[in-house]
Amino acid sequence: MGVIGWQILQVALGWEIYERTHSALALGLVGLATALPVVILALPAGDLADRMDRKRILVWAQAAFIAAGFALAALSYWRGPVALVYAVLLARGAAQAFNNPARQALLPQLVPTDVFGNAVTWASSAFQAAAVIGPGIGGIIIAVEGGATGAYVISSVLTVVYLWTLIEIRGEAGPLANSTGAAGTLPSRPKERMTLESLAAGLRFVRETKVILAAITLDLFAVLLGGATALLPIFAKDILHVGPDGLGWLRAAPSVGALLVAVAIAHRPTMSRTGVTLLLSVTGFGIATVVFGLSRSFWLSMMMLFILGALDGISMIIRSTLVQVRTPDEMRGRVSAVNSVFVDMSNELGGFESGALAALVGPVAAVVAGGVGTLVVVGSVAAAWPELRKLGPLAPVVQDEGLIAADD
């Protein structure tokens, strides 16, 4: 429900901002306002996720999301200044900075090691199913109502439902939960003060674990350059001429592709050549982005977004599983925070980059250039980190002291 609400909110934001400003840069600023707090607060948020009850952090973050949704509804209804919309997004981004590492670090506490990869795949399937439903609902609400206010309200109501289900979660589970393999308890950490050294521990771990660094760097720059979704309101309104309901389906198309791929992966044996699969999927992502940018057909654009989403889904499953199974639990919050910075920088700052570039050279040239840039990034990462090309099946690395990350 929370993801459906977030997807509805994104469609409403994109449509309303472009309707009121007719500016590609204004669309890009949505991503910047969302990502900036995540980048600034990521390290302390990750350290907090390794010190506090992760579920409690999630509860407070969701409460902030609900408040932000109702604030956006009020601004939409009374036609408040666009600057205030960005202020609300900055506040929501601050909550997201704490939400992301706590959410990512909580899952391994709830799932046994031997099925964790499969659990990530099914979680991705549920996420993508919600991401299919949300944009469609959002587009229909805007088309029927003639505005975005109702979409913001429904987004917040759905987040309330998610918050209630989150509160109902009881207990810890899986043996991946701590470095000794014991199930049912959180690993204890020394109650040392938060220091610069503890804050930087996640960065240091990622830097020293070459295969994780390669995977999230690939994701960062590929999506940063190749992200076309921030410009979908422009394509829907001015290029494909399909209106808000068409925008909803365009936003849903990548998630349909990712959902089908996730379900297929969940029913197949573990990947044997994970690194090569990751590199090929991002290569296809770049090619599909170029074709989408050049397309003037709604159905061809939908097909490219479907393919783009399917390939991005493969990348997301591999990266998410790799980060979690190669990281000890006492480090998982901080490493997840670093991963969140990379993810949000790629998604949200990618939206800002696309909007700023589109304002200079036009939306078509911006998307095509981004797709070409993605292909360059794939070649560069493959050359710089041969460890990624050699990566085989994803599995925790276990030594005498317990589950630790391998320095591949």
Protein backbone atom coordinates (compact mmCIF):
# COMPACT_ATOMS: atom_id res chain seq x y z
CA MET A 1 0.00 0.00 0.00
CA GLY A 2 2.83 2.38 0.78
CA VAL A 3 4.39 1.88 -2.66
CA ILE A 4 1.03 2.35 -4.40
CA GLY A 5 0.59 5.60 -2.48
CA TRP A 6 4.09 6.80 -3.41
CA GLN A 7 3.53 6.00 -7.09
CA ILE A 8 0.22 7.89 -7.09
CA LEU A 9 1.95 10.84 -5.47
CA GLN A 10 4.74 10.82 -8.08
CA VAL A 11 2.28 10.89 -10.97
CA ALA A 12 0.34 13.72 -9.31
CA LEU A 13 3.51 15.72 -8.65
CA GLY A 14 4.83 15.37 -12.19
CA TRP A 15 1.54 16.29 -13.82
CA GLU A 16 0.75 19.23 -11.53
CA ILE A 17 4.23 20.77 -11.60
CA TYR A 18 4.37 20.65 -15.39
CA GLU A 19 0.79 21.91 -15.76
CA ARG A 20 1.57 24.90 -13.55
CA THR A 21 5.07 25.74 -14.80
CA HIS A 22 5.47 24.18 -18.28
CA SER A 23 9.14 23.86 -17.32
CA ALA A 24 11.39 20.82 -17.69
CA LEU A 25 13.70 22.31 -15.07
CA ALA A 26 10.82 22.54 -12.59
CA LEU A 27 10.24 18.81 -13.07
CA GLY A 28 13.93 18.17 -12.45
CA LEU A 29 13.82 20.17 -9.21
CA VAL A 30 11.30 17.66 -7.84
CA GLY A 31 14.04 15.03 -7.94
CA LEU A 32 16.62 17.39 -6.46
CA ALA A 33 14.35 18.37 -3.56
CA THR A 34 13.68 14.70 -2.79
CA ALA A 35 17.28 13.50 -3.06
CA LEU A 36 19.19 16.32 -1.38
CA PRO A 37 18.14 15.47 2.21
CA VAL A 38 18.88 11.78 1.56
CA VAL A 39 22.43 12.57 0.49
CA ILE A 40 23.04 14.92 3.43
CA LEU A 41 21.48 12.71 6.14
CA ALA A 42 22.36 9.24 4.84
CA LEU A 43 25.37 8.53 7.06
CA PRO A 44 23.77 9.50 10.40
CA ALA A 45 20.54 7.74 9.32
CA GLY A 46 22.44 4.53 8.59
CA ASP A 47 24.28 4.70 11.90
CA LEU A 48 20.96 5.21 13.69
CA ALA A 49 19.53 2.14 11.93
CA ASP A 50 22.36 0.10 13.47
CA ARG A 51 21.68 1.48 16.97
CA MET A 52 17.89 1.73 17.28
CA ASP A 53 14.85 -0.43 16.67
CA ARG A 54 14.59 -0.36 12.87
CA LYS A 55 10.85 -0.87 12.92
CA ARG A 56 10.37 2.19 15.14
CA ILE A 57 12.35 4.30 12.67
CA LEU A 58 10.12 3.06 9.85
CA VAL A 59 6.96 3.92 11.79
CA TRP A 60 8.04 7.53 12.35
CA ALA A 61 9.17 7.88 8.73
CA GLN A 62 5.80 6.67 7.44
CA ALA A 63 4.02 9.12 9.72
CA ALA A 64 6.08 11.90 8.13
CA PHE A 65 5.16 10.63 4.65
CA ILE A 66 1.46 10.81 5.58
CA ALA A 67 1.80 14.39 6.82
CA ALA A 68 3.68 15.39 3.64
CA GLY A 69 0.95 13.88 1.45
CA PHE A 70 -1.80 15.85 3.17
CA ALA A 71 0.33 19.01 2.99
CA LEU A 72 0.70 18.56 -0.78
CA ALA A 73 -3.06 18.03 -1.05
CA ALA A 74 -3.67 21.33 0.74
CA LEU A 75 -1.19 23.16 -1.49
CA SER A 76 -2.84 21.66 -4.56
CA TYR A 77 -6.38 22.53 -3.46
CA TRP A 78 -5.56 26.15 -2.57
CA ARG A 79 -3.02 26.57 -5.40
CA GLY A 80 -0.19 27.30 -2.99
CA PRO A 81 3.19 28.51 -4.27
CA VAL A 82 5.29 25.94 -6.10
CA ALA A 83 8.16 26.89 -3.80
CA LEU A 84 6.18 25.47 -0.86
CA VAL A 85 5.73 22.20 -2.78
CA TYR A 86 9.51 21.90 -2.96
CA ALA A 87 9.75 22.70 0.78
CA VAL A 88 7.37 19.81 1.55
CA LEU A 89 9.43 17.53 -0.68
CA LEU A 90 12.59 18.52 1.21
CA ALA A 91 10.89 17.53 4.48
CA ARG A 92 9.66 14.27 2.95
CA GLY A 93 13.17 13.59 1.67
CA ALA A 94 14.53 13.97 5.21
CA ALA A 95 12.12 11.28 6.39
CA GLN A 96 13.10 9.11 3.43
CA ALA A 97 16.76 9.38 4.44
CA PHE A 98 15.93 7.54 7.68
CA ASN A 99 13.32 5.23 6.16
CA ASN A 100 15.51 3.65 3.47
CA PRO A 101 18.40 2.16 5.49
CA ALA A 102 16.06 0.97 8.26
CA ARG A 103 13.76 -0.75 5.74
CA GLN A 104 16.58 -2.40 3.81
CA ALA A 105 18.34 -3.57 6.98
CA LEU A 106 15.15 -4.96 8.54
CA LEU A 107 14.40 -7.59 5.87
CA PRO A 108 17.41 -9.83 6.62
CA GLN A 109 16.23 -9.99 10.26
CA LEU A 110 12.93 -11.48 9.09
CA VAL A 111 14.09 -14.02 6.48
CA PRO A 112 16.35 -17.11 6.80
CA THR A 113 19.65 -17.05 4.94
CA ASP A 114 18.94 -19.92 2.55
CA VAL A 115 15.86 -18.23 1.05
CA PHE A 116 16.95 -14.61 1.31
CA GLY A 117 17.70 -14.17 -2.40
CA ASN A 118 14.30 -15.59 -3.28
CA ALA A 119 12.67 -13.33 -0.67
CA VAL A 120 14.29 -10.28 -2.26
CA THR A 121 12.90 -11.36 -5.62
CA TRP A 122 9.37 -11.76 -4.25
CA ALA A 123 9.66 -8.44 -2.41
CA SER A 124 10.67 -6.87 -5.70
CA SER A 125 7.65 -8.51 -7.36
CA ALA A 126 5.31 -7.02 -4.77
CA PHE A 127 6.98 -3.63 -5.18
CA GLN A 128 6.62 -3.72 -8.95
CA ALA A 129 2.99 -4.88 -8.77
CA ALA A 130 2.26 -1.85 -6.61
CA ALA A 131 4.22 0.33 -9.02
CA VAL A 132 2.00 -0.91 -11.86
CA ILE A 133 -1.23 -0.22 -10.00
CA GLY A 134 -0.24 3.14 -8.51
CA PRO A 135 0.50 5.17 -11.67
CA GLY A 136 -2.64 3.87 -13.39
CA ILE A 137 -4.79 4.88 -10.43
CA GLY A 138 -3.05 8.24 -10.18
CA GLY A 139 -3.56 9.04 -13.86
CA ILE A 140 -7.24 8.08 -13.72
CA ILE A 141 -7.84 10.19 -10.59
CA ILE A 142 -6.24 13.26 -12.20
CA ALA A 143 -8.16 12.74 -15.46
CA VAL A 144 -11.51 12.35 -13.69
CA GLU A 145 -11.02 15.08 -11.09
CA GLY A 146 -9.21 17.50 -13.39
CA GLY A 147 -6.53 18.06 -10.74
CA ALA A 148 -4.11 16.36 -8.39
CA THR A 149 -5.64 17.08 -4.97
CA GLY A 150 -7.56 13.82 -4.68
CA ALA A 151 -4.50 11.83 -5.74
CA TYR A 152 -2.47 13.29 -2.87
CA VAL A 153 -5.22 12.47 -0.37
CA ILE A 154 -5.55 8.86 -1.57
CA SER A 155 -1.76 8.52 -1.46
CA SER A 156 -1.74 9.48 2.22
CA VAL A 157 -4.67 7.20 3.06
CA LEU A 158 -2.88 4.22 1.49
CA THR A 159 0.24 5.08 3.49
CA VAL A 160 -1.88 5.00 6.65
CA VAL A 161 -2.91 1.44 5.74
CA TYR A 162 0.75 0.48 5.24
CA LEU A 163 1.67 2.04 8.59
CA TRP A 164 -0.97 -0.07 10.32
CA THR A 165 0.40 -3.29 8.77
CA LEU A 166 3.94 -2.25 9.72
CA ILE A 167 2.93 -1.78 13.36
CA GLU A 168 1.50 -5.31 13.34
CA ILE A 169 4.89 -6.91 12.52
CA ARG A 170 6.07 -8.91 15.54
CA GLY A 171 9.53 -10.22 16.30
CA GLU A 172 12.73 -10.95 14.43
CA ALA A 173 13.35 -14.16 12.46
CA GLY A 174 16.06 -15.25 10.10
CA PRO A 175 19.54 -16.56 10.79
CA LEU A 176 20.83 -13.83 8.52
CA ALA A 177 19.85 -11.53 11.37
CA ASN A 178 23.24 -11.51 12.98
CA SER A 179 26.87 -12.46 12.56
CA THR A 180 26.68 -15.53 14.80
CA GLY A 181 23.83 -17.15 12.87
CA ALA A 182 21.42 -17.06 15.82
CA ALA A 183 17.82 -16.49 14.89
CA GLY A 184 15.27 -14.42 16.72
CA THR A 185 17.49 -11.74 18.26
CA LEU A 186 19.08 -8.54 17.14
CA PRO A 187 22.87 -8.46 17.22
CA SER A 188 24.18 -6.34 20.06
CA ARG A 189 26.43 -3.42 19.24
CA PRO A 190 28.60 -1.52 21.71
CA LYS A 191 26.84 1.61 22.88
CA GLU A 192 29.65 3.87 21.69
CA ARG A 193 29.02 7.48 20.82
CA MET A 194 28.28 8.38 17.22
CA THR A 195 31.63 9.46 15.79
CA LEU A 196 33.00 10.39 12.40
CA GLU A 197 34.64 6.97 12.31
CA SER A 198 31.38 5.12 12.97
CA LEU A 199 29.56 7.27 10.40
CA ALA A 200 32.21 6.54 7.77
CA ALA A 201 32.27 2.78 8.45
CA GLY A 202 29.65 2.06 5.78
CA LEU A 203 31.55 4.04 3.17
CA ARG A 204 34.76 2.24 4.09
CA PHE A 205 33.10 -1.17 3.84
CA VAL A 206 31.67 -0.41 0.39
CA ARG A 207 35.00 0.95 -0.83
CA GLU A 208 36.87 -2.15 0.32
CA THR A 209 34.29 -4.63 -1.02
CA LYS A 210 35.02 -4.16 -4.70
CA VAL A 211 32.12 -6.11 -6.18
CA ILE A 212 29.53 -4.13 -4.16
CA LEU A 213 31.23 -0.86 -5.11
CA ALA A 214 31.16 -1.85 -8.79
CA ALA A 215 27.48 -2.89 -8.72
CA ILE A 216 26.14 0.23 -7.04
CA THR A 217 28.41 2.52 -9.10
CA LEU A 218 27.02 0.93 -12.25
CA ASP A 219 23.47 1.49 -11.01
CA LEU A 220 24.22 5.06 -9.95
CA PHE A 221 25.57 6.32 -13.25
CA ALA A 222 23.35 4.20 -15.50
CA VAL A 223 20.12 5.47 -13.96
CA LEU A 224 21.55 8.96 -13.38
CA LEU A 225 22.19 9.29 -17.11
CA GLY A 226 19.49 7.02 -18.50
CA GLY A 227 16.50 7.96 -16.35
CA ALA A 228 13.68 9.08 -18.66
CA THR A 229 10.78 8.82 -16.20
CA ALA A 230 11.21 12.37 -14.84
CA LEU A 231 10.40 13.71 -18.32
CA LEU A 232 7.34 11.50 -18.90
CA PRO A 233 4.89 14.39 -18.26
CA ILE A 234 6.52 16.24 -21.18
CA PHE A 235 6.41 13.18 -23.45
CA ALA A 236 2.79 12.44 -22.49
CA LYS A 237 1.55 16.00 -23.00
CA ASP A 238 3.68 17.49 -25.79
CA ILE A 239 5.18 14.58 -27.77
CA LEU A 240 2.84 11.60 -27.54
CA HIS A 241 -0.30 13.69 -26.81
CA VAL A 242 -1.95 11.14 -24.50
CA GLY A 243 -3.01 13.23 -21.46
CA PRO A 244 -2.87 12.36 -17.72
CA ASP A 245 -4.34 8.87 -18.10
CA GLY A 246 -1.73 8.10 -20.77
CA LEU A 247 0.93 9.42 -18.39
CA GLY A 248 -0.28 6.95 -15.78
CA TRP A 249 0.17 4.04 -18.19
CA LEU A 250 3.56 5.28 -19.34
CA ARG A 251 4.71 5.42 -15.71
CA ALA A 252 3.30 1.94 -15.08
CA ALA A 253 4.96 0.30 -18.11
CA PRO A 254 8.47 -0.06 -16.57
CA SER A 255 6.96 -1.65 -13.47
CA VAL A 256 4.98 -4.15 -15.55
CA GLY A 257 8.24 -5.27 -17.14
CA ALA A 258 10.04 -5.42 -13.80
CA LEU A 259 7.17 -7.36 -12.22
CA LEU A 260 7.12 -10.06 -14.90
CA VAL A 261 10.89 -10.43 -14.74
CA ALA A 262 10.86 -10.67 -10.93
CA VAL A 263 8.23 -13.42 -11.01
CA ALA A 264 10.22 -15.30 -13.66
CA ILE A 265 13.44 -15.03 -11.64
CA ALA A 266 11.66 -16.21 -8.48
CA HIS A 267 10.73 -19.47 -10.24
CA ARG A 268 14.17 -20.12 -11.72
CA PRO A 269 17.34 -21.53 -10.14
CA THR A 270 19.93 -19.12 -8.74
CA MET A 271 21.81 -17.17 -11.43
CA SER A 272 25.19 -18.72 -12.15
CA ARG A 273 26.81 -15.74 -13.94
CA THR A 274 25.39 -12.84 -11.97
CA GLY A 275 27.98 -10.26 -12.97
CA VAL A 276 27.63 -10.79 -16.71
CA THR A 277 23.84 -10.77 -16.34
CA LEU A 278 24.02 -7.42 -14.55
CA LEU A 279 26.22 -5.85 -17.23
CA LEU A 280 24.04 -7.12 -20.08
CA SER A 281 20.84 -5.91 -18.41
CA VAL A 282 22.20 -2.38 -17.98
CA THR A 283 23.40 -2.40 -21.60
CA GLY A 284 19.88 -3.25 -22.73
CA PHE A 285 18.55 -0.52 -20.43
CA GLY A 286 20.65 2.05 -22.27
CA ILE A 287 19.54 0.86 -25.72
CA ALA A 288 15.85 0.89 -24.73
CA THR A 289 16.27 4.43 -23.38
CA VAL A 290 17.65 5.64 -26.72
CA VAL A 291 14.77 4.07 -28.68
CA PHE A 292 12.20 5.56 -26.27
CA GLY A 293 13.68 9.02 -26.73
CA LEU A 294 13.39 8.76 -30.53
CA SER A 295 9.90 7.23 -30.56
CA ARG A 296 6.81 9.17 -31.64
CA SER A 297 4.47 6.20 -31.24
CA PHE A 298 2.66 5.70 -27.93
CA TRP A 299 2.78 1.90 -28.27
CA LEU A 300 6.48 1.81 -29.21
CA SER A 301 7.22 4.09 -26.28
CA MET A 302 5.22 1.79 -23.99
CA MET A 303 7.15 -1.23 -25.28
CA MET A 304 10.51 0.44 -24.68
CA LEU A 305 9.50 1.46 -21.18
CA PHE A 306 8.36 -2.12 -20.54
CA ILE A 307 11.75 -3.48 -21.70
CA LEU A 308 13.61 -0.77 -19.82
CA GLY A 309 11.77 -1.67 -16.61
CA ALA A 310 12.34 -5.40 -17.06
CA LEU A 311 16.08 -4.92 -17.43
CA ASP A 312 16.24 -2.45 -14.56
CA GLY A 313 14.33 -5.00 -12.45
CA ILE A 314 17.07 -7.58 -13.04
CA SER A 315 19.69 -5.03 -12.00
CA MET A 316 17.76 -4.07 -8.85
CA ILE A 317 17.31 -7.68 -7.70
CA ILE A 318 21.00 -8.47 -8.19
CA ARG A 319 22.23 -5.32 -6.46
CA SER A 320 19.81 -5.56 -3.52
CA THR A 321 20.64 -9.21 -2.87
CA LEU A 322 24.38 -8.64 -3.24
CA VAL A 323 24.46 -5.74 -0.77
CA GLN A 324 22.48 -7.58 1.89
CA VAL A 325 24.06 -11.04 1.75
CA ARG A 326 27.63 -9.70 1.64
CA THR A 327 27.17 -7.35 4.62
CA PRO A 328 27.27 -8.35 8.33
CA ASP A 329 24.18 -7.28 10.27
CA GLU A 330 26.02 -4.92 12.59
CA MET A 331 27.04 -2.96 9.47
CA ARG A 332 23.86 -3.40 7.49
CA GLY A 333 22.19 -0.11 8.40
CA ARG A 334 25.22 1.96 7.46
CA VAL A 335 25.93 0.03 4.27
CA SER A 336 22.25 0.25 3.33
CA ALA A 337 22.46 4.01 3.88
CA VAL A 338 25.36 4.23 1.44
CA ASN A 339 23.38 2.12 -1.02
CA SER A 340 20.39 4.43 -0.51
CA VAL A 341 22.52 7.43 -1.40
CA PHE A 342 23.51 5.73 -4.65
CA VAL A 343 19.92 4.70 -5.40
CA ASP A 344 18.39 8.08 -4.61
CA MET A 345 21.15 9.95 -6.39
CA SER A 346 20.53 7.83 -9.47
CA ASN A 347 16.73 8.07 -9.39
CA GLU A 348 16.06 11.53 -8.00
CA LEU A 349 19.18 13.41 -9.06
CA GLY A 350 18.86 11.61 -12.37
CA GLY A 351 15.48 13.30 -12.67
CA PHE A 352 17.11 16.66 -11.96
CA GLU A 353 19.84 15.98 -14.52
CA SER A 354 17.26 15.00 -17.13
CA GLY A 355 15.14 18.08 -16.42
CA ALA A 356 18.09 20.47 -16.51
CA LEU A 357 19.46 18.96 -19.72
CA ALA A 358 16.01 18.94 -21.32
CA ALA A 359 15.67 22.65 -20.54
CA LEU A 360 18.88 23.25 -22.50
CA VAL A 361 18.64 20.85 -25.46
CA GLY A 362 15.04 19.56 -25.39
CA PRO A 363 13.55 16.37 -23.91
CA VAL A 364 14.30 14.09 -26.89
CA ALA A 365 18.01 14.97 -27.06
CA ALA A 366 18.28 14.71 -23.26
CA VAL A 367 16.86 11.17 -23.16
CA VAL A 368 18.91 9.95 -26.15
CA ALA A 369 22.12 11.41 -24.71
CA GLY A 370 21.37 9.73 -21.39
CA GLY A 371 20.93 6.34 -23.05
CA VAL A 372 24.23 6.69 -24.90
CA GLY A 373 25.90 7.75 -21.65
CA THR A 374 24.58 4.58 -19.98
CA LEU A 375 26.32 2.43 -22.59
CA VAL A 376 29.58 4.27 -21.95
CA VAL A 377 29.19 3.67 -18.21
CA VAL A 378 28.71 -0.09 -18.70
CA GLY A 379 31.96 -0.35 -20.65
CA SER A 380 33.84 1.76 -18.11
CA VAL A 381 32.63 -0.22 -15.06
CA ALA A 382 33.32 -3.56 -16.75
CA ALA A 383 36.88 -2.44 -17.48
CA ALA A 384 37.52 -0.86 -14.08
CA TRP A 385 36.20 -3.74 -11.93
CA PRO A 386 36.88 -7.18 -13.44
CA GLU A 387 35.54 -8.63 -10.16
CA LEU A 388 32.04 -7.76 -11.34
CA ARG A 389 32.44 -9.63 -14.64
CA LYS A 390 33.56 -12.72 -12.70
CA LEU A 391 30.76 -12.61 -10.11
CA GLY A 392 28.96 -15.97 -9.89
CA PRO A 393 25.97 -17.03 -7.75
CA LEU A 394 24.98 -14.68 -4.94
CA ALA A 395 25.48 -16.26 -1.55
CA PRO A 396 26.66 -15.13 1.88
CA VAL A 397 30.36 -15.57 2.55
CA VAL A 398 30.84 -17.40 5.84
CA GLN A 399 34.01 -17.64 7.90
CA ASP A 400 34.68 -18.76 11.45
CA GLU A 401 33.50 -15.51 12.96
CA GLY A 402 30.23 -15.67 11.10
CA LEU A 403 28.69 -13.99 8.11
CA ILE A 404 31.00 -11.39 6.63
CA ALA A 405 31.42 -9.65 3.33
CA ALA A 406 33.97 -10.92 0.89
CA ASP A 407 36.49 -8.56 -0.55
CA ASP A 408 36.04 -9.71 -4.09
